[in-house]
Structures are given as C-alpha cells and as structure tokens.
C-alpha cells in the first residue's frame, strides 16, 4: 500500500473546503492481483505460473524469480516452460509482448 498526501488548493466549496490536504491510500498490489487472476482465467495458468509470467514480463530475471520465490532455478524453468506452452509463446520477450498487448502487465520502469 502507498500512502500519499495530496495538498488541496483553491476555493473548494465542498466538504474539504476547510482542509489543507487529504490522505490518499492506494493498494498498489490490487491491480497486479487482478491481472494475475485474468492470466489464470485466459491461459489456464496456476497461481505460481501467473506470478512468474508477470515478473518475467516486468523484466525480472529467472534467477531472481527463483531466489525471490524460494524455489530452485530448475523449478522456475519448469514453470516457465509450462507458461510458454499455455500461452503459445517460445521466448520471454514474446511472453512479455503478449501480456503487454493484453494490458495485463505494466511496462518496466526505466530509471535514467
């Protein structure tokens, strides 16, 4: 979750007119969970496969996924092969392009 403080300005003739700011709470994982559920429904992926597909599409390496998920690299590769089979893709870039086209993942953020 992210907590953001939004400064209110101007002459607001409503409930917030006497307020200087408002606190906004955003569940950043909600959209990702919804997207993973859509992946499961569209392609018949397991929960783990949906998570791995999302991470691959966001530019996370398979080695890092294995480490983060506390699974062996070979297990991660097996999941990836299953994902390729179910999504009719053959490469990680192809998978990322597919999921991006379907708007099921956000593009990775590049830091200058």
PDB file of N, CA and C in Angstrom:
ATOM      1  N   UNK A   1       0.831  -1.173   0.000  1.00  0.00           N
ATOM      2  CA  UNK A   1       0.000   0.000   0.000  1.00  0.00           C
ATOM      3  C   UNK A   1       0.877   1.238   0.000  1.00  0.00           C
ATOM      4  N   UNK A   2       0.356   2.265  -0.615  1.00  0.00           N
ATOM      5  CA  UNK A   2       1.043   3.549  -0.656  1.00  0.00           C
ATOM      6  C   UNK A   2       0.146   4.583   0.009  1.00  0.00           C
ATOM      7  N   UNK A   3       0.748   5.391   0.828  1.00  0.00           N
ATOM      8  CA  UNK A   3       0.048   6.484   1.475  1.00  0.00           C
ATOM      9  C   UNK A   3       0.559   7.775   0.851  1.00  0.00           C
ATOM     10  N   UNK A   4      -0.339   8.557   0.257  1.00  0.00           N
ATOM     11  CA  UNK A   4       0.054   9.813  -0.377  1.00  0.00           C
ATOM     12  C   UNK A   4      -0.707  10.949   0.284  1.00  0.00           C
ATOM     13  N   UNK A   5      -0.023  12.059   0.456  1.00  0.00           N
ATOM     14  CA  UNK A   5      -0.653  13.268   0.965  1.00  0.00           C
ATOM     15  C   UNK A   5      -0.888  14.177  -0.231  1.00  0.00           C
ATOM     16  N   UNK A   6      -2.135  14.566  -0.435  1.00  0.00           N
ATOM     17  CA  UNK A   6      -2.494  15.431  -1.555  1.00  0.00           C
ATOM     18  C   UNK A   6      -2.901  16.787  -0.997  1.00  0.00           C
ATOM     19  N   UNK A   7      -2.164  17.805  -1.386  1.00  0.00           N
ATOM     20  CA  UNK A   7      -2.496  19.158  -0.940  1.00  0.00           C
ATOM     21  C   UNK A   7      -3.718  19.650  -1.708  1.00  0.00           C
ATOM     22  N   UNK A   8      -4.650  20.193  -0.999  1.00  0.00           N
ATOM     23  CA  UNK A   8      -5.848  20.760  -1.611  1.00  0.00           C
ATOM     24  C   UNK A   8      -5.654  22.259  -1.746  1.00  0.00           C
ATOM     25  N   UNK A   9      -5.978  22.782  -2.886  1.00  0.00           N
ATOM     26  CA  UNK A   9      -5.810  24.223  -3.099  1.00  0.00           C
ATOM     27  C   UNK A   9      -7.049  24.828  -3.696  1.00  0.00           C
ATOM     28  N   UNK A  10      -7.032  26.139  -3.739  1.00  0.00           N
ATOM     29  CA  UNK A  10      -8.151  26.839  -4.358  1.00  0.00           C
ATOM     30  C   UNK A  10      -9.317  27.004  -3.413  1.00  0.00           C
ATOM     31  N   UNK A  11     -10.394  27.492  -3.961  1.00  0.00           N
ATOM     32  CA  UNK A  11     -11.621  27.701  -3.198  1.00  0.00           C
ATOM     33  C   UNK A  11     -12.550  26.532  -3.448  1.00  0.00           C
ATOM     34  N   UNK A  12     -12.491  25.563  -2.587  1.00  0.00           N
ATOM     35  CA  UNK A  12     -13.313  24.378  -2.751  1.00  0.00           C
ATOM     36  C   UNK A  12     -14.590  24.507  -1.930  1.00  0.00           C
ATOM     37  N   UNK A  13     -15.724  24.690  -2.585  1.00  0.00           N
ATOM     38  CA  UNK A  13     -16.979  24.848  -1.838  1.00  0.00           C
ATOM     39  C   UNK A  13     -17.630  23.507  -1.519  1.00  0.00           C
ATOM     40  N   UNK A  14     -16.913  22.642  -0.851  1.00  0.00           N
ATOM     41  CA  UNK A  14     -17.468  21.334  -0.535  1.00  0.00           C
ATOM     42  C   UNK A  14     -16.997  20.880   0.834  1.00  0.00           C
ATOM     43  N   UNK A  15     -17.109  19.622   1.067  1.00  0.00           N
ATOM     44  CA  UNK A  15     -16.752  19.026   2.346  1.00  0.00           C
ATOM     45  C   UNK A  15     -15.310  19.335   2.756  1.00  0.00           C
ATOM     46  N   UNK A  16     -14.403  19.376   1.765  1.00  0.00           N
ATOM     47  CA  UNK A  16     -12.985  19.580   2.046  1.00  0.00           C
ATOM     48  C   UNK A  16     -12.572  21.056   2.065  1.00  0.00           C
ATOM     49  N   UNK A  17     -13.522  21.972   2.032  1.00  0.00           N
ATOM     50  CA  UNK A  17     -13.175  23.381   1.904  1.00  0.00           C
ATOM     51  C   UNK A  17     -12.307  23.900   3.059  1.00  0.00           C
ATOM     52  N   UNK A  18     -12.427  23.336   4.239  1.00  0.00           N
ATOM     53  CA  UNK A  18     -11.628  23.785   5.375  1.00  0.00           C
ATOM     54  C   UNK A  18     -10.355  22.967   5.558  1.00  0.00           C
ATOM     55  N   UNK A  19     -10.116  22.018   4.639  1.00  0.00           N
ATOM     56  CA  UNK A  19      -8.957  21.137   4.753  1.00  0.00           C
ATOM     57  C   UNK A  19      -7.772  21.684   3.965  1.00  0.00           C
ATOM     58  N   UNK A  20      -6.584  21.426   4.482  1.00  0.00           N
ATOM     59  CA  UNK A  20      -5.362  21.800   3.795  1.00  0.00           C
ATOM     60  C   UNK A  20      -4.939  20.683   2.845  1.00  0.00           C
ATOM     61  N   UNK A  21      -5.227  19.455   3.209  1.00  0.00           N
ATOM     62  CA  UNK A  21      -4.829  18.314   2.391  1.00  0.00           C
ATOM     63  C   UNK A  21      -5.673  17.101   2.725  1.00  0.00           C
ATOM     64  N   UNK A  22      -5.469  16.080   1.929  1.00  0.00           N
ATOM     65  CA  UNK A  22      -6.172  14.816   2.143  1.00  0.00           C
ATOM     66  C   UNK A  22      -5.156  13.688   2.043  1.00  0.00           C
ATOM     67  N   UNK A  23      -5.393  12.659   2.784  1.00  0.00           N
ATOM     68  CA  UNK A  23      -4.530  11.483   2.767  1.00  0.00           C
ATOM     69  C   UNK A  23      -5.172  10.444   1.849  1.00  0.00           C
ATOM     70  N   UNK A  24      -4.437  10.017   0.823  1.00  0.00           N
ATOM     71  CA  UNK A  24      -4.937   9.034  -0.131  1.00  0.00           C
ATOM     72  C   UNK A  24      -4.205   7.719   0.081  1.00  0.00           C
ATOM     73  N   UNK A  25      -4.947   6.640   0.191  1.00  0.00           N
ATOM     74  CA  UNK A  25      -4.366   5.320   0.374  1.00  0.00           C
ATOM     75  C   UNK A  25      -4.622   4.520  -0.890  1.00  0.00           C
ATOM     76  N   UNK A  26      -3.548   3.954  -1.451  1.00  0.00           N
ATOM     77  CA  UNK A  26      -3.658   3.196  -2.699  1.00  0.00           C
ATOM     78  C   UNK A  26      -3.072   1.806  -2.503  1.00  0.00           C
ATOM     79  N   UNK A  27      -3.817   0.797  -2.858  1.00  0.00           N
ATOM     80  CA  UNK A  27      -3.353  -0.582  -2.796  1.00  0.00           C
ATOM     81  C   UNK A  27      -2.698  -0.903  -4.133  1.00  0.00           C
ATOM     82  N   UNK A  28      -1.368  -0.802  -4.203  1.00  0.00           N
ATOM     83  CA  UNK A  28      -0.675  -0.993  -5.476  1.00  0.00           C
ATOM     84  C   UNK A  28      -0.672  -2.441  -5.926  1.00  0.00           C
ATOM     85  N   UNK A  29      -0.885  -3.369  -5.027  1.00  0.00           N
ATOM     86  CA  UNK A  29      -0.899  -4.776  -5.389  1.00  0.00           C
ATOM     87  C   UNK A  29      -2.239  -5.248  -5.925  1.00  0.00           C
ATOM     88  N   UNK A  30      -3.278  -4.446  -5.742  1.00  0.00           N
ATOM     89  CA  UNK A  30      -4.626  -4.856  -6.148  1.00  0.00           C
ATOM     90  C   UNK A  30      -4.714  -5.106  -7.643  1.00  0.00           C
ATOM     91  N   UNK A  31      -4.225  -4.160  -8.447  1.00  0.00           N
ATOM     92  CA  UNK A  31      -4.293  -4.311  -9.900  1.00  0.00           C
ATOM     93  C   UNK A  31      -3.462  -5.509 -10.353  1.00  0.00           C
ATOM     94  N   UNK A  32      -2.301  -5.687  -9.756  1.00  0.00           N
ATOM     95  CA  UNK A  32      -1.464  -6.819 -10.128  1.00  0.00           C
ATOM     96  C   UNK A  32      -2.155  -8.140  -9.810  1.00  0.00           C
ATOM     97  N   UNK A  33      -2.829  -8.232  -8.650  1.00  0.00           N
ATOM     98  CA  UNK A  33      -3.552  -9.451  -8.308  1.00  0.00           C
ATOM     99  C   UNK A  33      -4.699  -9.700  -9.282  1.00  0.00           C
ATOM    100  N   UNK A  34      -5.389  -8.628  -9.690  1.00  0.00           N
ATOM    101  CA  UNK A  34      -6.472  -8.769 -10.659  1.00  0.00           C
ATOM    102  C   UNK A  34      -5.920  -9.252 -12.000  1.00  0.00           C
ATOM    103  N   UNK A  35      -4.790  -8.693 -12.411  1.00  0.00           N
ATOM    104  CA  UNK A  35      -4.172  -9.097 -13.668  1.00  0.00           C
ATOM    105  C   UNK A  35      -3.736 -10.561 -13.620  1.00  0.00           C
ATOM    106  N   UNK A  36      -3.205 -10.990 -12.496  1.00  0.00           N
ATOM    107  CA  UNK A  36      -2.799 -12.389 -12.365  1.00  0.00           C
ATOM    108  C   UNK A  36      -4.011 -13.312 -12.428  1.00  0.00           C
ATOM    109  N   UNK A  37      -5.118 -12.888 -11.867  1.00  0.00           N
ATOM    110  CA  UNK A  37      -6.337 -13.686 -11.943  1.00  0.00           C
ATOM    111  C   UNK A  37      -6.821 -13.778 -13.391  1.00  0.00           C
ATOM    112  N   UNK A  38      -6.716 -12.689 -14.124  1.00  0.00           N
ATOM    113  CA  UNK A  38      -7.088 -12.704 -15.544  1.00  0.00           C
ATOM    114  C   UNK A  38      -6.173 -13.648 -16.326  1.00  0.00           C
ATOM    115  N   UNK A  39      -4.885 -13.630 -16.012  1.00  0.00           N
ATOM    116  CA  UNK A  39      -3.945 -14.550 -16.657  1.00  0.00           C
ATOM    117  C   UNK A  39      -4.342 -15.994 -16.401  1.00  0.00           C
ATOM    118  N   UNK A  40      -4.724 -16.276 -15.179  1.00  0.00           N
ATOM    119  CA  UNK A  40      -5.127 -17.637 -14.824  1.00  0.00           C
ATOM    120  C   UNK A  40      -6.353 -18.056 -15.631  1.00  0.00           C
ATOM    121  N   UNK A  41      -7.306 -17.161 -15.769  1.00  0.00           N
ATOM    122  CA  UNK A  41      -8.526 -17.482 -16.493  1.00  0.00           C
ATOM    123  C   UNK A  41      -8.295 -17.582 -17.998  1.00  0.00           C
ATOM    124  N   UNK A  42      -7.539 -16.643 -18.563  1.00  0.00           N
ATOM    125  CA  UNK A  42      -7.315 -16.627 -20.008  1.00  0.00           C
ATOM    126  C   UNK A  42      -6.494 -17.807 -20.510  1.00  0.00           C
ATOM    127  N   UNK A  43      -5.437 -18.136 -19.765  1.00  0.00           N
ATOM    128  CA  UNK A  43      -4.484 -19.131 -20.250  1.00  0.00           C
ATOM    129  C   UNK A  43      -4.454 -20.419 -19.431  1.00  0.00           C
ATOM    130  N   UNK A  44      -5.235 -20.484 -18.369  1.00  0.00           N
ATOM    131  CA  UNK A  44      -5.233 -21.677 -17.538  1.00  0.00           C
ATOM    132  C   UNK A  44      -3.963 -21.833 -16.718  1.00  0.00           C
ATOM    133  N   UNK A  45      -3.345 -20.708 -16.365  1.00  0.00           N
ATOM    134  CA  UNK A  45      -2.117 -20.751 -15.566  1.00  0.00           C
ATOM    135  C   UNK A  45      -2.445 -21.033 -14.107  1.00  0.00           C
ATOM    136  N   UNK A  46      -1.503 -21.656 -13.427  1.00  0.00           N
ATOM    137  CA  UNK A  46      -1.625 -21.809 -11.980  1.00  0.00           C
ATOM    138  C   UNK A  46      -1.292 -20.461 -11.342  1.00  0.00           C
ATOM    139  N   UNK A  47      -1.541 -20.324 -10.053  1.00  0.00           N
ATOM    140  CA  UNK A  47      -1.229 -19.072  -9.357  1.00  0.00           C
ATOM    141  C   UNK A  47       0.263 -18.754  -9.461  1.00  0.00           C
ATOM    142  N   UNK A  48       1.098 -19.761  -9.263  1.00  0.00           N
ATOM    143  CA  UNK A  48       2.547 -19.555  -9.347  1.00  0.00           C
ATOM    144  C   UNK A  48       2.965 -19.180 -10.754  1.00  0.00           C
ATOM    145  N   UNK A  49       2.398 -19.835 -11.754  1.00  0.00           N
ATOM    146  CA  UNK A  49       2.727 -19.513 -13.145  1.00  0.00           C
ATOM    147  C   UNK A  49       2.321 -18.082 -13.483  1.00  0.00           C
ATOM    148  N   UNK A  50       1.176 -17.631 -12.973  1.00  0.00           N
ATOM    149  CA  UNK A  50       0.724 -16.264 -13.231  1.00  0.00           C
ATOM    150  C   UNK A  50       1.682 -15.251 -12.604  1.00  0.00           C
ATOM    151  N   UNK A  51       2.147 -15.531 -11.414  1.00  0.00           N
ATOM    152  CA  UNK A  51       3.107 -14.647 -10.746  1.00  0.00           C
ATOM    153  C   UNK A  51       4.405 -14.602 -11.541  1.00  0.00           C
ATOM    154  N   UNK A  52       4.897 -15.750 -11.941  1.00  0.00           N
ATOM    155  CA  UNK A  52       6.153 -15.812 -12.689  1.00  0.00           C
ATOM    156  C   UNK A  52       6.005 -15.124 -14.038  1.00  0.00           C
ATOM    157  N   UNK A  53       4.897 -15.329 -14.724  1.00  0.00           N
ATOM    158  CA  UNK A  53       4.674 -14.672 -16.021  1.00  0.00           C
ATOM    159  C   UNK A  53       4.680 -13.156 -15.855  1.00  0.00           C
ATOM    160  N   UNK A  54       4.046 -12.679 -14.805  1.00  0.00           N
ATOM    161  CA  UNK A  54       4.011 -11.243 -14.532  1.00  0.00           C
ATOM    162  C   UNK A  54       5.414 -10.714 -14.265  1.00  0.00           C
ATOM    163  N   UNK A  55       6.167 -11.430 -13.451  1.00  0.00           N
ATOM    164  CA  UNK A  55       7.519 -10.994 -13.120  1.00  0.00           C
ATOM    165  C   UNK A  55       8.422 -10.999 -14.351  1.00  0.00           C
ATOM    166  N   UNK A  56       8.327 -12.034 -15.177  1.00  0.00           N
ATOM    167  CA  UNK A  56       9.118 -12.103 -16.414  1.00  0.00           C
ATOM    168  C   UNK A  56       8.780 -10.912 -17.302  1.00  0.00           C
ATOM    169  N   UNK A  57       7.493 -10.606 -17.408  1.00  0.00           N
ATOM    170  CA  UNK A  57       7.047  -9.503 -18.260  1.00  0.00           C
ATOM    171  C   UNK A  57       7.487  -8.145 -17.735  1.00  0.00           C
ATOM    172  N   UNK A  58       7.818  -8.073 -16.466  1.00  0.00           N
ATOM    173  CA  UNK A  58       8.301  -6.829 -15.877  1.00  0.00           C
ATOM    174  C   UNK A  58       9.822  -6.745 -15.889  1.00  0.00           C
ATOM    175  N   UNK A  59      10.459  -7.719 -16.541  1.00  0.00           N
ATOM    176  CA  UNK A  59      11.905  -7.664 -16.707  1.00  0.00           C
ATOM    177  C   UNK A  59      12.722  -8.347 -15.625  1.00  0.00           C
ATOM    178  N   UNK A  60      12.077  -9.070 -14.744  1.00  0.00           N
ATOM    179  CA  UNK A  60      12.796  -9.775 -13.684  1.00  0.00           C
ATOM    180  C   UNK A  60      13.407 -11.042 -14.281  1.00  0.00           C
ATOM    181  N   UNK A  61      14.667 -11.308 -13.956  1.00  0.00           N
ATOM    182  CA  UNK A  61      15.339 -12.489 -14.499  1.00  0.00           C
ATOM    183  C   UNK A  61      14.818 -13.755 -13.829  1.00  0.00           C
ATOM    184  N   UNK A  62      14.960 -14.855 -14.517  1.00  0.00           N
ATOM    185  CA  UNK A  62      14.502 -16.135 -13.981  1.00  0.00           C
ATOM    186  C   UNK A  62      15.288 -16.498 -12.718  1.00  0.00           C
ATOM    187  N   UNK A  63      16.573 -16.175 -12.688  1.00  0.00           N
ATOM    188  CA  UNK A  63      17.380 -16.432 -11.492  1.00  0.00           C
ATOM    189  C   UNK A  63      16.829 -15.657 -10.293  1.00  0.00           C
ATOM    190  N   UNK A  64      16.476 -14.404 -10.521  1.00  0.00           N
ATOM    191  CA  UNK A  64      15.945 -13.564  -9.449  1.00  0.00           C
ATOM    192  C   UNK A  64      14.565 -14.070  -8.992  1.00  0.00           C
ATOM    193  N   UNK A  65      13.763 -14.509  -9.959  1.00  0.00           N
ATOM    194  CA  UNK A  65      12.443 -15.057  -9.617  1.00  0.00           C
ATOM    195  C   UNK A  65      12.591 -16.274  -8.728  1.00  0.00           C
ATOM    196  N   UNK A  66      13.505 -17.166  -9.107  1.00  0.00           N
ATOM    197  CA  UNK A  66      13.739 -18.373  -8.304  1.00  0.00           C
ATOM    198  C   UNK A  66      14.160 -17.989  -6.886  1.00  0.00           C
ATOM    199  N   UNK A  67      15.043 -17.017  -6.781  1.00  0.00           N
ATOM    200  CA  UNK A  67      15.515 -16.569  -5.469  1.00  0.00           C
ATOM    201  C   UNK A  67      14.368 -15.944  -4.668  1.00  0.00           C
ATOM    202  N   UNK A  68      13.614 -15.035  -5.299  1.00  0.00           N
ATOM    203  CA  UNK A  68      12.520 -14.355  -4.603  1.00  0.00           C
ATOM    204  C   UNK A  68      11.402 -15.305  -4.190  1.00  0.00           C
ATOM    205  N   UNK A  69      11.121 -16.309  -5.004  1.00  0.00           N
ATOM    206  CA  UNK A  69      10.049 -17.257  -4.731  1.00  0.00           C
ATOM    207  C   UNK A  69      10.519 -18.434  -3.878  1.00  0.00           C
ATOM    208  N   UNK A  70      11.812 -18.475  -3.555  1.00  0.00           N
ATOM    209  CA  UNK A  70      12.404 -19.548  -2.746  1.00  0.00           C
ATOM    210  C   UNK A  70      12.188 -20.914  -3.392  1.00  0.00           C
ATOM    211  N   UNK A  71      12.440 -20.963  -4.710  1.00  0.00           N
ATOM    212  CA  UNK A  71      12.376 -22.221  -5.459  1.00  0.00           C
ATOM    213  C   UNK A  71      13.685 -22.383  -6.205  1.00  0.00           C
ATOM    214  N   UNK A  72      13.963 -23.592  -6.650  1.00  0.00           N
ATOM    215  CA  UNK A  72      15.196 -23.805  -7.399  1.00  0.00           C
ATOM    216  C   UNK A  72      15.059 -23.198  -8.794  1.00  0.00           C
ATOM    217  N   UNK A  73      16.190 -22.922  -9.404  1.00  0.00           N
ATOM    218  CA  UNK A  73      16.202 -22.385 -10.767  1.00  0.00           C
ATOM    219  C   UNK A  73      15.529 -23.360 -11.722  1.00  0.00           C
ATOM    220  N   UNK A  74      15.772 -24.646 -11.531  1.00  0.00           N
ATOM    221  CA  UNK A  74      15.161 -25.668 -12.408  1.00  0.00           C
ATOM    222  C   UNK A  74      13.637 -25.690 -12.266  1.00  0.00           C
ATOM    223  N   UNK A  75      13.145 -25.496 -11.056  1.00  0.00           N
ATOM    224  CA  UNK A  75      11.695 -25.426 -10.850  1.00  0.00           C
ATOM    225  C   UNK A  75      11.130 -24.201 -11.563  1.00  0.00           C
ATOM    226  N   UNK A  76      11.826 -23.081 -11.463  1.00  0.00           N
ATOM    227  CA  UNK A  76      11.391 -21.863 -12.158  1.00  0.00           C
ATOM    228  C   UNK A  76      11.376 -22.093 -13.670  1.00  0.00           C
ATOM    229  N   UNK A  77      12.390 -22.798 -14.181  1.00  0.00           N
ATOM    230  CA  UNK A  77      12.430 -23.109 -15.617  1.00  0.00           C
ATOM    231  C   UNK A  77      11.260 -24.000 -16.022  1.00  0.00           C
ATOM    232  N   UNK A  78      10.906 -24.952 -15.176  1.00  0.00           N
ATOM    233  CA  UNK A  78       9.763 -25.825 -15.456  1.00  0.00           C
ATOM    234  C   UNK A  78       8.478 -25.000 -15.525  1.00  0.00           C
ATOM    235  N   UNK A  79       8.304 -24.095 -14.574  1.00  0.00           N
ATOM    236  CA  UNK A  79       7.135 -23.208 -14.594  1.00  0.00           C
ATOM    237  C   UNK A  79       7.120 -22.390 -15.886  1.00  0.00           C
ATOM    238  N   UNK A  80       8.276 -21.872 -16.268  1.00  0.00           N
ATOM    239  CA  UNK A  80       8.362 -21.051 -17.469  1.00  0.00           C
ATOM    240  C   UNK A  80       8.012 -21.860 -18.719  1.00  0.00           C
ATOM    241  N   UNK A  81       8.489 -23.086 -18.794  1.00  0.00           N
ATOM    242  CA  UNK A  81       8.129 -23.950 -19.939  1.00  0.00           C
ATOM    243  C   UNK A  81       6.625 -24.179 -19.988  1.00  0.00           C
ATOM    244  N   UNK A  82       6.002 -24.384 -18.830  1.00  0.00           N
ATOM    245  CA  UNK A  82       4.546 -24.551 -18.774  1.00  0.00           C
ATOM    246  C   UNK A  82       3.828 -23.280 -19.224  1.00  0.00           C
ATOM    247  N   UNK A  83       4.346 -22.132 -18.815  1.00  0.00           N
ATOM    248  CA  UNK A  83       3.765 -20.846 -19.220  1.00  0.00           C
ATOM    249  C   UNK A  83       3.852 -20.695 -20.734  1.00  0.00           C
ATOM    250  N   UNK A  84       5.028 -20.992 -21.300  1.00  0.00           N
ATOM    251  CA  UNK A  84       5.206 -20.908 -22.753  1.00  0.00           C
ATOM    252  C   UNK A  84       4.194 -21.801 -23.465  1.00  0.00           C
ATOM    253  N   UNK A  85       4.015 -23.001 -22.969  1.00  0.00           N
ATOM    254  CA  UNK A  85       3.094 -23.952 -23.588  1.00  0.00           C
ATOM    255  C   UNK A  85       1.656 -23.434 -23.539  1.00  0.00           C
ATOM    256  N   UNK A  86       1.249 -22.923 -22.383  1.00  0.00           N
ATOM    257  CA  UNK A  86      -0.126 -22.474 -22.206  1.00  0.00           C
ATOM    258  C   UNK A  86      -0.433 -21.166 -22.932  1.00  0.00           C
ATOM    259  N   UNK A  87       0.586 -20.318 -23.123  1.00  0.00           N
ATOM    260  CA  UNK A  87       0.376 -19.031 -23.791  1.00  0.00           C
ATOM    261  C   UNK A  87       0.769 -19.076 -25.269  1.00  0.00           C
ATOM    262  N   UNK A  88       1.243 -20.241 -25.714  1.00  0.00           N
ATOM    263  CA  UNK A  88       1.673 -20.414 -27.099  1.00  0.00           C
ATOM    264  C   UNK A  88       2.780 -19.420 -27.468  1.00  0.00           C
ATOM    265  N   UNK A  89       3.721 -19.248 -26.554  1.00  0.00           N
ATOM    266  CA  UNK A  89       4.892 -18.412 -26.794  1.00  0.00           C
ATOM    267  C   UNK A  89       6.134 -19.282 -26.668  1.00  0.00           C
ATOM    268  N   UNK A  90       7.269 -18.765 -27.150  1.00  0.00           N
ATOM    269  CA  UNK A  90       8.502 -19.552 -27.092  1.00  0.00           C
ATOM    270  C   UNK A  90       9.654 -18.847 -26.397  1.00  0.00           C
ATOM    271  N   UNK A  91       9.537 -17.537 -26.207  1.00  0.00           N
ATOM    272  CA  UNK A  91      10.618 -16.772 -25.582  1.00  0.00           C
ATOM    273  C   UNK A  91      10.036 -15.809 -24.555  1.00  0.00           C
ATOM    274  N   UNK A  92      10.886 -15.385 -23.639  1.00  0.00           N
ATOM    275  CA  UNK A  92      10.439 -14.463 -22.602  1.00  0.00           C
ATOM    276  C   UNK A  92       9.982 -13.136 -23.204  1.00  0.00           C
ATOM    277  N   UNK A  93      10.677 -12.663 -24.222  1.00  0.00           N
ATOM    278  CA  UNK A  93      10.296 -11.409 -24.877  1.00  0.00           C
ATOM    279  C   UNK A  93       8.927 -11.541 -25.542  1.00  0.00           C
ATOM    280  N   UNK A  94       8.673 -12.685 -26.113  1.00  0.00           N
ATOM    281  CA  UNK A  94       7.374 -12.942 -26.749  1.00  0.00           C
ATOM    282  C   UNK A  94       6.260 -12.943 -25.692  1.00  0.00           C
ATOM    283  N   UNK A  95       6.529 -13.565 -24.559  1.00  0.00           N
ATOM    284  CA  UNK A  95       5.567 -13.587 -23.458  1.00  0.00           C
ATOM    285  C   UNK A  95       5.291 -12.173 -22.965  1.00  0.00           C
ATOM    286  N   UNK A  96       6.357 -11.393 -22.761  1.00  0.00           N
ATOM    287  CA  UNK A  96       6.206 -10.015 -22.289  1.00  0.00           C
ATOM    288  C   UNK A  96       5.393  -9.190 -23.281  1.00  0.00           C
ATOM    289  N   UNK A  97       5.663  -9.363 -24.570  1.00  0.00           N
ATOM    290  CA  UNK A  97       4.923  -8.625 -25.600  1.00  0.00           C
ATOM    291  C   UNK A  97       3.444  -9.005 -25.583  1.00  0.00           C
ATOM    292  N   UNK A  98       3.160 -10.274 -25.434  1.00  0.00           N
ATOM    293  CA  UNK A  98       1.769 -10.747 -25.388  1.00  0.00           C
ATOM    294  C   UNK A  98       1.021 -10.131 -24.211  1.00  0.00           C
ATOM    295  N   UNK A  99       1.605 -10.203 -23.039  1.00  0.00           N
ATOM    296  CA  UNK A  99       0.937  -9.700 -21.843  1.00  0.00           C
ATOM    297  C   UNK A  99       0.803  -8.180 -21.869  1.00  0.00           C
ATOM    298  N   UNK A 100       1.773  -7.511 -22.466  1.00  0.00           N
ATOM    299  CA  UNK A 100       1.699  -6.061 -22.602  1.00  0.00           C
ATOM    300  C   UNK A 100       0.580  -5.681 -23.562  1.00  0.00           C
ATOM    301  N   UNK A 101       0.481  -6.399 -24.687  1.00  0.00           N
ATOM    302  CA  UNK A 101      -0.596  -6.141 -25.655  1.00  0.00           C
ATOM    303  C   UNK A 101      -1.972  -6.348 -25.029  1.00  0.00           C
ATOM    304  N   UNK A 102      -2.077  -7.312 -24.150  1.00  0.00           N
ATOM    305  CA  UNK A 102      -3.347  -7.596 -23.483  1.00  0.00           C
ATOM    306  C   UNK A 102      -3.590  -6.686 -22.278  1.00  0.00           C
ATOM    307  N   UNK A 103      -2.641  -5.775 -22.026  1.00  0.00           N
ATOM    308  CA  UNK A 103      -2.721  -4.854 -20.881  1.00  0.00           C
ATOM    309  C   UNK A 103      -2.814  -5.593 -19.553  1.00  0.00           C
ATOM    310  N   UNK A 104      -2.110  -6.701 -19.450  1.00  0.00           N
ATOM    311  CA  UNK A 104      -2.129  -7.474 -18.210  1.00  0.00           C
ATOM    312  C   UNK A 104      -0.913  -7.222 -17.333  1.00  0.00           C
ATOM    313  N   UNK A 105       0.037  -6.455 -17.838  1.00  0.00           N
ATOM    314  CA  UNK A 105       1.196  -6.085 -17.030  1.00  0.00           C
ATOM    315  C   UNK A 105       1.559  -4.647 -17.350  1.00  0.00           C
ATOM    316  N   UNK A 106       2.210  -4.017 -16.393  1.00  0.00           N
ATOM    317  CA  UNK A 106       2.745  -2.666 -16.617  1.00  0.00           C
ATOM    318  C   UNK A 106       4.129  -2.812 -17.199  1.00  0.00           C
ATOM    319  N   UNK A 107       4.497  -1.854 -18.050  1.00  0.00           N
ATOM    320  CA  UNK A 107       5.838  -1.858 -18.607  1.00  0.00           C
ATOM    321  C   UNK A 107       6.844  -1.616 -17.493  1.00  0.00           C
ATOM    322  N   UNK A 108       8.039  -2.244 -17.588  1.00  0.00           N
ATOM    323  CA  UNK A 108       9.054  -1.999 -16.558  1.00  0.00           C
ATOM    324  C   UNK A 108       9.448  -0.536 -16.555  1.00  0.00           C
ATOM    325  N   UNK A 109       9.728  -0.017 -15.373  1.00  0.00           N
ATOM    326  CA  UNK A 109      10.136   1.374 -15.230  1.00  0.00           C
ATOM    327  C   UNK A 109      11.633   1.487 -15.446  1.00  0.00           C
ATOM    328  N   UNK A 110      12.037   2.377 -16.334  1.00  0.00           N
ATOM    329  CA  UNK A 110      13.451   2.634 -16.597  1.00  0.00           C
ATOM    330  C   UNK A 110      13.880   3.824 -15.784  1.00  0.00           C
ATOM    331  N   UNK A 111      14.975   3.679 -15.060  1.00  0.00           N
ATOM    332  CA  UNK A 111      15.486   4.769 -14.243  1.00  0.00           C
ATOM    333  C   UNK A 111      16.641   5.403 -15.007  1.00  0.00           C
ATOM    334  N   UNK A 112      16.588   6.735 -15.257  1.00  0.00           N
ATOM    335  CA  UNK A 112      17.663   7.394 -16.018  1.00  0.00           C
ATOM    336  C   UNK A 112      18.961   7.445 -15.260  1.00  0.00           C
TER     337      UNK A 112
END
